[in-house]
């Protein structure tokens, strides 16, 4: 199966049962109660502010709170949450509250504020919210009982806002500037914007539904014309060989700035709006373009159940090894297209990751570990869950919805609303409740559990925008000037082959009711460890006793032979871990195959136990000139030696390179190692053996650097270095582990500055305290700012499969065959004469294109910049 599915088991969990009408009603009522809790706390504690801060029970007003960067561009002092929630009130049968909310919007909200806002966010949240509210007001008025006073006031506000957004489209390409000043536009010094050159594909390509609806409602074609022009330009700039688009584009030249392509942050809703523009507007050209893009997505990006970014010019080359949570909308879009099978597979992967971490992390790796640990209560997974239930009628998706509800109440609910998760691993909160939580999450969850008679209108008469606002399909018949039509070139004549797989009958797709379940089971087996499996019965006297997981040593030939007999194969991964996969058919007997199943189950349980017992990551802080504590490297701990979490000051000292660099025999440069922190290379012997050798030479600490070139804590989970099976009480100094990328920063600093001093501690320390000589105190802010990864590295043992780490009790030794490990020559010691250093200094495992420290630190910032770009694109 795809990379990341590391353990395949054949045992199946119990089959899901249909949910009773009473249980569905209970869950439906629970959704309404949760919505009331969030909405009422916003109205009581935050309104008229844009958003609620649920931990401090107050409103978030831009300019009064510390800036969060691009995230704050969604806030325009226009009561964002109230506008974003209007049509949710109607869907949840809160007509009286809706009428009161509309009156508040009309009396209190101003759209001419001198403030710079995101064109994308303002379009989907505010313009979409006003149009959705208008649609609901018209529907209720036509019903004859409510909103009889309404005279299209929300539509007038929507047109006013649309006109304020139009200056952003005044570019040669037609792509909008990413930001606009609501009062002054984009030109002139008073606007404080208009100097940007780049925008994300989704930012420019997620306009057409709202602008076209505004044109159809008002009869003014200018809005739809500009939105279509932007869509046409993006289509023209696609990579013609792969038919993919990049993530970021220059709005003036049309050159791709970021050429990675996926279905997550930065691109996601561009694809969504191509298909939905066809549904809403009836223009076949949008469908043709979507189908061409979709074929390329399924050819290059889709690796069921994974969706991995690629390069648009080299689509067979992966662009990264992790996925972001925004791609969770994609199974829902596949349902709308009618391609149900991959939707089921990807959704199941997302569901199992959700059950593993309680929420979808902002980003997670291909083996389902946390990459970025935040979760701002995103609704995309609930959205796809609802659409898959609509398509299949499978009660399994009702249970998935129940899981979402339970996790929100257990982990995110606070007295003043629902708080975003700052870290899904620790359960820590962020003082944030975005408007999309009320606009989208409760819509999809209510619809999931609702019966047709529970709804005030037929949702089949509407289409959902990317913010889940409701636009009536009747707009497709609204009169519009022909000037708004796309410029269709001769090469874009409609091709019937591009209309395959459009809206098939799901009954024909699934003649066997068990078919969706059969798609899910292999994925569940690989990710979810909560499925109880009975221990296989073993007949007495049949063969030797099975190998137990806690006794397994990956370098023990006898153990490897036992694995082979049980049908378990062992694969060494590039990052140093080992992967175990069982094929029962390769076992020597049925009893041995059962032993193999038991061994794999024990290994999963052992891994889960290690995850709970793990030590947290440690920090290596470079405190000498010119770093002065600003560079903090995330390091893995050891299960022996000094416990840095119990040290108030940490261990401070200059670094030097041990000889031999492997540290697997007596240290030959003990005169340089004494009183220093020794650098060692991973491999050839046990971690504890390395520690004993440098301690004997007088070192005050040690740092083991990975020999796997390119490895990084950004992409590989940290692990704990374990002992060698003997007592390690004799090791009294700290030993930390760095991956190759982080270790190279130390080696390059040592090569360039000779004297490099570091602080080994449990977490980064306050720089002022370090240099004043005062007692080192914990830093009060996140010290991952200037040269660290954008999110905490995954702690040791966090694994979703039977995959023992080199430092775990399943594989405590740091030994690999010589043919697999070719350690570089040891880096020269900084204490040696300079001419000796220059003539013998190693390349730290690198080629002649070695980087300077500044270049390494710039490279180290890439993931941080990617995170900032993701915030800019979509958060």
Foldseek 3Di string as FASTA:
>chain_A
DDPLLFAFDDDDFDDDDFDDLVVLVVLLVLLVVQLCLAVVLCVVAEPPAQFFQQVVSHHDHPPVDPDPPLLCLLGDSFSQLLLLQLLVCQFQVNQVVNVVSVVCSLVPGDQQDQDKHFLQSCQCRRLLSLQLNLVSLVVVCVVPPPNVVDDCSSLVVSVLQLVLQVLQLPAPQLFGFRMAGSNPGADDPSTVHVPDFKFFQCSRQQRQVSQLLSCLVVVPLPSLQSSLSSLVSQQVLQDVVLLFGFQMAGSHPRHRPGQKGWCFFRHPCSLVCLVVCCLQQVDCLSLLSSLSNVVSQCVQQPPWQGGFIAGRVCSVHTPDFKDFPRSLLVLLSCLQQQNNLSSLRNLLLLLLLCVLLVHGARMAGSSSFHLFFWFQQDQRSLSSLLSNCVQQVRCVSVVSLVSNSVSQVPQQDDSSHGFTANGSNVSHTGSGHHSLNSSHNSSSSSSSSDDPVSGPDDLVQFDQRPSGRTDGSCSNVRDHDPSSDHDQDPVSDDDVVSSPSGDDRSCVVPVDSCVSVVSNGRSCSSFHLPRDDDQDDDDPPDDDDADALLPAAPPDPVNQVLCQQLQWDWDQDLQGWIRIYHDNVRHPDNNSVSSNVVRFSRLQVQLVVCLVVFDFWWWKAWCDPPRNRLAIATWAWAPAADDQAPDQAFDKFWEWEFPVQQLQDATPVLVQQARHEYEHEFAAKFPLSSLVRSVVSHHQHYEYEYPSPPDALSRDAGAYQYDDPDDSNVHHHTYIYGYLLRVVLVLLCCLPPLTIMIGIHRYRWDSVCVVVVHGTDHDPDDSCPQQHAQHGGHHHSPGRGSMDHCRDSSHNGRYDDCVVDDDWGIAHTSVDDPVVNVVDGTLSNDDPVRDHSVVSSVVSCVNVVVVVVSSNRPD
